[in-house]
């Protein structure tokens, strides 16, 4: 029973860290990344679909992305979706190839993005602490139901705290890596 609670907490904390990594991919750094356009939705054939379902996205060089729609008729819709997104990028079209040039980030913008990264990290830490609270509550429920002793409760809470400390350390490492990537010129 205690092991199930610990495993559940560990799994949920790992999911929180994965969600943080996923959210940080969307934050633009100085380098081009296909993850930057993952959230763009294109109006294709009457419904909104992810850009990756109507076009091939590739990194041309460190500062540009190339988008090749599979259907020539989709070029205008893809351009419109990019302009409507909150990326602040202007597509350059040559035939059926759309090129996105990423301008270098200013120092001020880098610092703003660093604050956003820290905010995402803090949100992940809050989620992890909530998972710890839930796990500790479940352990106390077992004590109330007289399924475990008070020594088991103390031991369980200590082990849950160790899992929590490791997860928070992982969050700090992910945030630090993203911050380093952002501040690199």
Protein backbone atom coordinates (compact mmCIF):
# COMPACT_ATOMS: atom_id res chain seq x y z
CA UNK A 1 0.00 0.00 0.00
CA UNK A 2 2.76 2.43 0.96
CA UNK A 3 4.79 1.43 -2.09
CA UNK A 4 1.78 2.04 -4.35
CA UNK A 5 1.41 5.57 -2.96
CA UNK A 6 5.13 6.27 -3.49
CA UNK A 7 5.09 4.88 -7.05
CA UNK A 8 2.01 6.91 -7.91
CA UNK A 9 3.61 10.10 -6.54
CA UNK A 10 6.84 9.40 -8.43
CA UNK A 11 4.96 8.79 -11.70
CA UNK A 12 2.88 11.95 -11.33
CA UNK A 13 5.97 14.04 -10.51
CA UNK A 14 7.75 12.66 -13.59
CA UNK A 15 4.73 13.67 -15.69
CA UNK A 16 4.93 17.21 -14.25
CA UNK A 17 8.59 17.43 -15.28
CA UNK A 18 7.75 16.14 -18.78
CA UNK A 19 4.99 18.74 -19.05
CA UNK A 20 7.51 21.42 -18.07
CA UNK A 21 9.91 20.24 -20.78
CA UNK A 22 7.06 20.28 -23.31
CA UNK A 23 6.08 23.83 -22.32
CA UNK A 24 9.67 25.07 -22.51
CA UNK A 25 10.07 23.78 -26.09
CA UNK A 26 7.56 26.41 -27.19
CA UNK A 27 9.66 29.27 -25.80
CA UNK A 28 11.74 30.69 -28.62
CA UNK A 29 15.49 30.81 -28.21
CA UNK A 30 18.03 32.20 -30.65
CA UNK A 31 18.10 28.89 -32.52
CA UNK A 32 15.49 27.54 -34.90
CA UNK A 33 13.53 24.52 -33.69
CA UNK A 34 10.65 22.65 -35.30
CA UNK A 35 8.97 22.61 -31.85
CA UNK A 36 8.44 26.34 -32.28
CA UNK A 37 5.61 25.80 -34.79
CA UNK A 38 4.06 22.70 -33.17
CA UNK A 39 1.23 24.71 -31.67
CA UNK A 40 0.22 26.41 -34.94
CA UNK A 41 -3.12 25.19 -36.27
CA UNK A 42 -4.00 25.56 -39.96
CA UNK A 43 -7.51 25.77 -41.39
CA UNK A 44 -7.34 22.87 -43.85
CA UNK A 45 -10.36 21.57 -45.72
CA UNK A 46 -12.81 23.05 -43.25
CA UNK A 47 -11.18 22.09 -39.95
CA UNK A 48 -8.25 23.28 -37.85
CA UNK A 49 -5.36 20.80 -37.88
CA UNK A 50 -1.78 21.00 -36.57
CA UNK A 51 0.75 22.39 -39.05
CA UNK A 52 2.65 19.10 -39.00
CA UNK A 53 -0.36 17.37 -40.63
CA UNK A 54 -0.40 19.62 -43.71
CA UNK A 55 3.29 20.37 -44.21
CA UNK A 56 6.83 19.15 -43.64
CA UNK A 57 8.73 21.40 -41.23
CA UNK A 58 12.53 21.36 -41.19
CA UNK A 59 15.40 23.42 -39.83
CA UNK A 60 17.33 25.02 -42.70
CA UNK A 61 20.03 26.61 -40.52
CA UNK A 62 20.41 28.05 -37.02
CA UNK A 63 18.12 30.99 -37.75
CA UNK A 64 15.51 29.70 -40.20
CA UNK A 65 12.79 27.11 -40.63
CA UNK A 66 11.52 25.76 -43.94
CA UNK A 67 7.89 24.68 -44.32
CA UNK A 68 6.83 22.68 -47.38
CA UNK A 69 3.04 22.17 -47.59
CA UNK A 70 2.10 18.84 -49.17
CA UNK A 71 -0.76 20.44 -51.10
CA UNK A 72 0.05 23.54 -53.20
CA UNK A 73 -3.34 24.99 -52.31
CA UNK A 74 -2.45 25.05 -48.63
CA UNK A 75 0.37 27.63 -48.94
CA UNK A 76 -1.98 30.58 -48.30
CA UNK A 77 -3.66 28.88 -45.33
CA UNK A 78 -0.29 28.04 -43.75
CA UNK A 79 0.92 31.64 -44.22
CA UNK A 80 -2.29 32.95 -42.65
CA UNK A 81 -1.92 30.59 -39.67
CA UNK A 82 1.70 31.68 -39.09
CA UNK A 83 0.75 35.37 -39.22
CA UNK A 84 -2.17 34.76 -36.83
CA UNK A 85 0.05 32.90 -34.32
CA UNK A 86 1.68 34.74 -31.42
CA UNK A 87 5.21 33.95 -32.67
CA UNK A 88 5.68 37.36 -34.25
CA UNK A 89 7.27 35.86 -37.38
CA UNK A 90 6.64 36.86 -40.99
CA UNK A 91 6.67 34.04 -43.56
CA UNK A 92 8.62 34.48 -46.82
CA UNK A 93 7.12 32.44 -49.65
CA UNK A 94 8.90 31.27 -52.78
CA UNK A 95 6.61 29.05 -54.84
CA UNK A 96 5.43 26.33 -52.49
CA UNK A 97 8.23 26.76 -49.95
CA UNK A 98 7.65 28.95 -46.90
CA UNK A 99 10.71 30.19 -45.03
CA UNK A 100 10.59 31.60 -41.48
CA UNK A 101 13.61 33.70 -40.52
CA UNK A 102 14.13 34.03 -36.78
CA UNK A 103 15.66 37.37 -35.84
CA UNK A 104 18.27 37.42 -33.08
CA UNK A 105 16.77 38.06 -29.65
CA UNK A 106 17.61 41.33 -27.93
CA UNK A 107 19.11 41.24 -24.44
CA UNK A 108 15.90 42.64 -22.97
CA UNK A 109 13.77 39.99 -24.71
CA UNK A 110 16.11 37.25 -23.47
CA UNK A 111 15.66 38.46 -19.90
CA UNK A 112 11.87 38.56 -20.33
CA UNK A 113 11.89 35.00 -21.67
CA UNK A 114 14.09 33.92 -18.73
CA UNK A 115 11.39 35.24 -16.39
CA UNK A 116 8.80 33.21 -18.30
CA UNK A 117 11.00 30.10 -17.98
CA UNK A 118 11.34 30.63 -14.23
CA UNK A 119 7.57 31.08 -13.95
CA UNK A 120 7.00 27.76 -15.76
CA UNK A 121 9.53 26.13 -13.42
CA UNK A 122 7.74 27.53 -10.38
CA UNK A 123 4.40 26.21 -11.68
CA UNK A 124 5.97 22.74 -12.04
CA UNK A 125 7.31 22.94 -8.46
CA UNK A 126 3.85 23.88 -7.17
CA UNK A 127 2.39 20.87 -9.00
CA UNK A 128 5.04 18.62 -7.45
CA UNK A 129 4.34 19.97 -3.97
CA UNK A 130 0.63 19.33 -4.49
CA UNK A 131 1.42 15.74 -5.45
CA UNK A 132 3.50 15.42 -2.24
CA UNK A 133 0.57 16.75 -0.22
CA UNK A 134 -1.80 14.24 -1.82
CA UNK A 135 0.61 11.37 -1.16
CA UNK A 136 1.10 12.37 2.49
CA UNK A 137 -2.67 12.61 2.89
CA UNK A 138 -3.08 9.10 1.48
CA UNK A 139 -0.49 7.81 3.97
CA UNK A 140 -2.34 9.46 6.86
CA UNK A 141 -5.60 7.89 5.62
CA UNK A 142 -3.93 4.47 5.95
CA UNK A 143 -3.01 5.32 9.55
CA UNK A 144 -6.57 6.48 10.28
CA UNK A 145 -7.88 3.19 8.89
CA UNK A 146 -5.33 1.41 11.14
CA UNK A 147 -3.67 -0.32 8.17
CA UNK A 148 -0.18 0.99 9.08
CA UNK A 149 1.64 2.16 12.22
CA UNK A 150 2.85 5.66 13.08
CA UNK A 151 6.43 4.54 12.37
CA UNK A 152 5.32 3.53 8.87
CA UNK A 153 3.72 6.96 8.43
CA UNK A 154 6.96 8.71 9.42
CA UNK A 155 9.02 6.45 7.12
CA UNK A 156 6.56 6.93 4.25
CA UNK A 157 6.55 10.71 4.60
CA UNK A 158 10.37 10.77 4.65
CA UNK A 159 10.55 8.69 1.47
CA UNK A 160 7.92 10.86 -0.24
CA UNK A 161 9.97 13.93 0.75
CA UNK A 162 13.09 12.38 -0.84
CA UNK A 163 11.15 11.74 -4.07
CA UNK A 164 9.88 15.34 -3.96
CA UNK A 165 13.37 16.76 -3.40
CA UNK A 166 14.70 14.82 -6.39
CA UNK A 167 11.82 16.00 -8.61
CA UNK A 168 12.36 19.65 -7.61
CA UNK A 169 16.09 19.26 -8.31
CA UNK A 170 15.19 17.91 -11.78
CA UNK A 171 12.92 20.92 -12.39
CA UNK A 172 15.77 23.26 -11.40
CA UNK A 173 18.10 21.50 -13.85
CA UNK A 174 15.58 21.75 -16.71
CA UNK A 175 15.02 25.47 -16.00
CA UNK A 176 18.78 26.11 -15.74
CA UNK A 177 19.42 24.35 -19.07
CA UNK A 178 16.72 26.39 -20.82
CA UNK A 179 18.04 29.61 -19.26
CA UNK A 180 21.55 28.79 -20.49
CA UNK A 181 20.16 28.11 -23.96
CA UNK A 182 18.27 31.44 -23.91
CA UNK A 183 21.21 33.54 -22.78
CA UNK A 184 23.65 32.05 -25.31
CA UNK A 185 24.27 34.62 -28.03
